[in-house]
Protein backbone atom coordinates (compact mmCIF):
# COMPACT_ATOMS: atom_id res chain seq x y z
CA MET A 1 88.26 130.11 86.87
CA PRO A 2 88.32 133.07 84.36
CA TRP A 3 86.37 132.68 81.22
CA ASP A 4 85.70 135.17 78.60
CA GLY A 5 83.67 133.05 76.25
CA ASN A 6 79.91 132.40 76.08
CA ARG A 7 78.62 130.86 79.36
CA ALA A 8 76.63 128.13 77.29
CA ASN A 9 80.07 126.78 76.57
CA LEU A 10 80.73 125.92 80.23
CA GLU A 11 78.92 122.64 80.10
CA MET A 12 81.76 120.62 81.57
CA VAL A 13 81.43 117.11 80.35
CA ALA A 14 79.57 114.29 78.47
CA GLY A 15 80.67 111.03 79.53
CA ALA A 16 83.69 112.24 81.50
CA ASP A 17 81.33 112.32 84.52
CA ASP A 18 80.21 108.81 83.87
CA LEU A 19 83.84 107.79 83.64
CA LEU A 20 84.55 109.28 87.05
CA SER A 21 81.59 107.45 88.58
CA PHE A 22 82.78 104.17 86.91
CA LEU A 23 86.11 104.87 88.58
CA ASP A 24 84.48 105.45 91.91
CA THR A 25 84.44 101.74 92.92
CA GLU A 26 84.04 102.56 96.54
CA LYS A 27 81.01 104.62 95.90
CA ARG A 28 82.44 107.57 97.91
CA TYR A 29 81.27 110.23 95.47
CA ARG A 30 84.92 111.36 95.19
CA VAL A 31 87.53 110.27 92.90
CA THR A 32 91.08 111.48 92.40
CA ILE A 33 92.78 110.86 89.11
CA HIS A 34 96.28 111.63 87.72
CA VAL A 35 96.18 112.86 84.14
CA VAL A 36 99.14 113.06 81.77
CA PRO A 37 98.41 115.06 78.58
CA SER A 38 100.47 114.43 75.59
CA GLU A 39 100.65 115.30 71.82
CA GLU A 40 102.32 112.03 71.21
CA PRO A 41 101.46 108.31 72.21
CA LEU A 42 103.29 107.39 75.24
CA THR A 43 103.69 104.33 77.58
CA VAL A 44 102.58 105.41 80.85
CA GLU A 45 102.65 102.75 83.40
CA ASP A 46 99.31 102.04 85.25
CA HIS A 47 97.44 104.54 83.16
CA THR A 48 94.65 104.16 80.56
CA GLU A 49 94.87 106.03 77.27
CA LEU A 50 92.23 108.14 75.77
CA ARG A 51 92.79 109.12 72.18
CA GLN A 52 91.44 112.14 70.65
CA ILE A 53 88.74 111.73 68.01
CA ASP A 54 87.96 115.36 67.15
CA LYS A 55 88.21 118.84 68.57
CA SER A 56 86.90 122.39 68.02
CA THR A 57 88.15 125.39 69.74
CA PHE A 58 84.64 126.42 71.06
CA GLY A 59 83.19 122.96 70.76
CA GLY A 60 85.35 120.92 73.05
CA SER A 61 87.11 117.48 72.25
CA HIS A 62 85.79 114.03 72.20
CA TYR A 63 88.15 111.21 73.27
CA ASP A 64 87.87 107.43 72.55
CA SER A 65 87.49 105.60 75.90
CA THR A 66 87.25 102.03 74.89
CA ASP A 67 90.58 101.13 76.55
CA PHE A 68 88.70 101.37 79.89
CA ALA A 69 87.68 97.79 80.20
CA GLY A 70 84.11 97.50 81.38
CA PHE A 71 83.30 101.13 80.79
CA ARG A 72 80.00 101.29 78.60
CA MET A 73 80.66 104.52 76.91
CA LYS A 74 82.79 104.55 73.73
CA LYS A 75 83.76 108.24 73.95
CA ILE A 76 83.84 111.12 76.28
CA TRP A 77 83.74 114.76 75.75
CA ILE A 78 85.53 117.75 77.47
CA CYS A 79 84.48 121.30 77.18
CA PRO A 80 86.48 124.53 76.07
CA VAL A 81 87.05 125.17 79.85
CA SER A 82 89.75 122.45 79.64
CA LEU A 83 91.77 124.85 77.58
CA CYS A 84 92.19 126.97 80.83
CA VAL A 85 93.42 123.94 82.77
CA LEU A 86 95.51 122.07 80.03
CA GLY A 87 96.17 124.99 77.50
CA CYS A 88 95.03 122.74 74.56
CA TYR A 89 93.12 119.63 73.77
CA PRO A 90 95.74 117.06 73.90
CA LYS A 91 95.84 114.37 71.36
CA TYR A 92 96.15 111.74 74.15
CA LEU A 93 95.24 111.84 77.74
CA TYR A 94 96.55 109.10 80.16
CA ILE A 95 94.26 108.50 83.13
CA GLN A 96 95.04 106.71 86.34
CA LYS A 97 92.76 106.46 89.49
CA VAL A 98 94.91 107.63 92.53
CA GLY A 99 94.18 105.80 95.83
């Protein structure tokens, strides 16, 4: 993935990796998720909502993860590399484990 920024900004996640481990209920060390990014709140069947708490172009974005029942962390962070994938830090992310 191309990245013109500082390589120190490539730390990928804080808490998002824990969320993937939490979703890996079969402990196979592999989880596939479906993500629906949105700027407006949606009702997306069988998906859990993550709400943006804050964002910074080069500092990533934090999301409230309290809607994941049983998940111990209250927020997760995604890094600026997400801009290459999503084009922005959406106000809402809807997550569903696939399979």
